């Protein structure tokens, strides 16, 4: 049985197949500008991704890839015995109270 989380994860993964190499390089470059230990959300990249016309549907996949590559880690906490990703209110104009995930930049160097 496929869960909603499975579908979401598959969508994020599949969105990376449509990603242009320049978009990935741009995102990696932006991640590389963040100091190790600094916390941030995807909103930090909104302007540059908008200017590059990176589709909204690919942005979560980019962050997921950055996690897989070791450049960032999700900020987590324990709630009722379960590890959960920390969310903060989005700063986006159309967010309408939505939350976005919080990440920490690791010390892993971002290559080209």
Protein backbone atom coordinates (compact mmCIF):
# COMPACT_ATOMS: atom_id res chain seq x y z
CA UNK A 1 0.00 0.00 0.00
CA UNK A 2 1.37 3.41 -1.00
CA UNK A 3 1.14 6.07 1.68
CA UNK A 4 0.87 9.81 1.17
CA UNK A 5 4.48 10.12 2.36
CA UNK A 6 5.60 7.50 -0.19
CA UNK A 7 3.86 9.47 -2.96
CA UNK A 8 5.45 12.72 -1.79
CA UNK A 9 8.91 11.16 -1.65
CA UNK A 10 8.47 9.66 -5.13
CA UNK A 11 7.34 13.02 -6.51
CA UNK A 12 10.39 14.78 -5.06
CA UNK A 13 12.68 12.09 -6.47
CA UNK A 14 11.02 12.09 -9.90
CA UNK A 15 11.16 15.90 -10.12
CA UNK A 16 14.95 15.69 -10.21
CA UNK A 17 14.82 13.91 -13.59
CA UNK A 18 13.44 17.12 -15.11
CA UNK A 19 16.12 19.24 -13.48
CA UNK A 20 18.49 21.09 -15.77
CA UNK A 21 22.22 20.78 -14.93
CA UNK A 22 22.46 24.57 -14.62
CA UNK A 23 19.67 24.56 -12.01
CA UNK A 24 21.46 21.93 -9.93
CA UNK A 25 24.75 23.84 -10.21
CA UNK A 26 23.00 27.07 -9.20
CA UNK A 27 21.46 25.44 -6.13
CA UNK A 28 24.74 23.82 -5.11
CA UNK A 29 26.46 27.19 -5.43
CA UNK A 30 23.85 28.81 -3.19
CA UNK A 31 24.19 26.03 -0.61
CA UNK A 32 27.96 26.57 -0.68
CA UNK A 33 27.49 30.21 0.36
CA UNK A 34 25.91 29.20 3.68
CA UNK A 35 28.23 28.98 6.69
CA UNK A 36 28.48 25.58 8.38
CA UNK A 37 26.14 25.42 11.37
CA UNK A 38 23.77 28.07 9.99
CA UNK A 39 20.07 27.21 9.97
CA UNK A 40 17.84 28.09 7.03
CA UNK A 41 14.77 27.11 5.00
CA UNK A 42 14.11 26.73 1.28
CA UNK A 43 12.73 30.28 1.41
CA UNK A 44 16.32 31.51 1.52
CA UNK A 45 16.65 30.54 -2.16
CA UNK A 46 13.27 31.76 -3.41
CA UNK A 47 14.49 34.86 -5.26
CA UNK A 48 17.42 33.19 -7.03
CA UNK A 49 15.34 30.12 -7.96
CA UNK A 50 12.51 32.34 -9.20
CA UNK A 51 14.96 34.34 -11.33
CA UNK A 52 16.36 31.11 -12.78
CA UNK A 53 12.78 29.90 -13.43
CA UNK A 54 13.32 26.68 -11.45
CA UNK A 55 9.84 25.16 -11.14
CA UNK A 56 8.29 25.02 -7.65
CA UNK A 57 7.82 21.25 -7.96
CA UNK A 58 11.60 20.72 -8.18
CA UNK A 59 12.63 22.77 -5.17
CA UNK A 60 11.91 20.19 -2.48
CA UNK A 61 13.78 17.65 -4.58
CA UNK A 62 16.79 19.96 -4.72
CA UNK A 63 16.84 20.22 -0.93
CA UNK A 64 16.38 16.48 -0.57
CA UNK A 65 19.36 15.94 -2.91
CA UNK A 66 21.43 18.41 -0.86
CA UNK A 67 20.64 16.29 2.22
CA UNK A 68 21.58 13.08 0.42
CA UNK A 69 24.84 14.69 -0.71
CA UNK A 70 25.59 15.61 2.93
CA UNK A 71 25.59 19.40 2.42
CA UNK A 72 22.63 19.99 4.74
CA UNK A 73 20.81 18.14 7.51
CA UNK A 74 17.23 18.47 8.65
CA UNK A 75 16.69 20.01 12.07
CA UNK A 76 14.71 17.48 14.11
CA UNK A 77 13.16 17.15 17.52
CA UNK A 78 11.36 14.43 19.47
CA UNK A 79 7.57 14.66 19.81
CA UNK A 80 5.69 11.91 21.63
CA UNK A 81 8.66 9.60 21.19
CA UNK A 82 8.96 10.18 17.44
CA UNK A 83 11.66 12.12 15.59
CA UNK A 84 10.06 14.87 13.52
CA UNK A 85 11.39 17.53 11.20
CA UNK A 86 11.19 21.05 12.68
CA UNK A 87 9.06 23.46 10.67
CA UNK A 88 8.83 27.23 10.85
CA UNK A 89 6.29 29.61 9.30
CA UNK A 90 7.03 30.29 5.64
CA UNK A 91 7.96 33.83 4.67
CA UNK A 92 6.43 33.39 1.22
CA UNK A 93 3.73 35.86 0.19
CA UNK A 94 1.39 33.03 -0.81
CA UNK A 95 2.20 30.75 2.15
CA UNK A 96 -1.03 31.46 4.05
CA UNK A 97 0.31 30.10 7.32
CA UNK A 98 2.15 27.15 5.79
CA UNK A 99 5.27 25.82 7.45
CA UNK A 100 8.59 25.01 5.78
CA UNK A 101 11.27 22.62 7.01
CA UNK A 102 14.31 23.93 8.83
CA UNK A 103 17.80 22.74 7.83
CA UNK A 104 21.38 23.15 9.09
CA UNK A 105 24.35 23.60 6.78
CA UNK A 106 26.99 20.95 7.41
CA UNK A 107 30.72 21.38 6.96
CA UNK A 108 30.78 19.20 3.82
CA UNK A 109 32.36 21.19 1.01
CA UNK A 110 30.17 21.72 -2.05
CA UNK A 111 32.02 20.81 -5.21
CA UNK A 112 31.18 21.78 -8.78
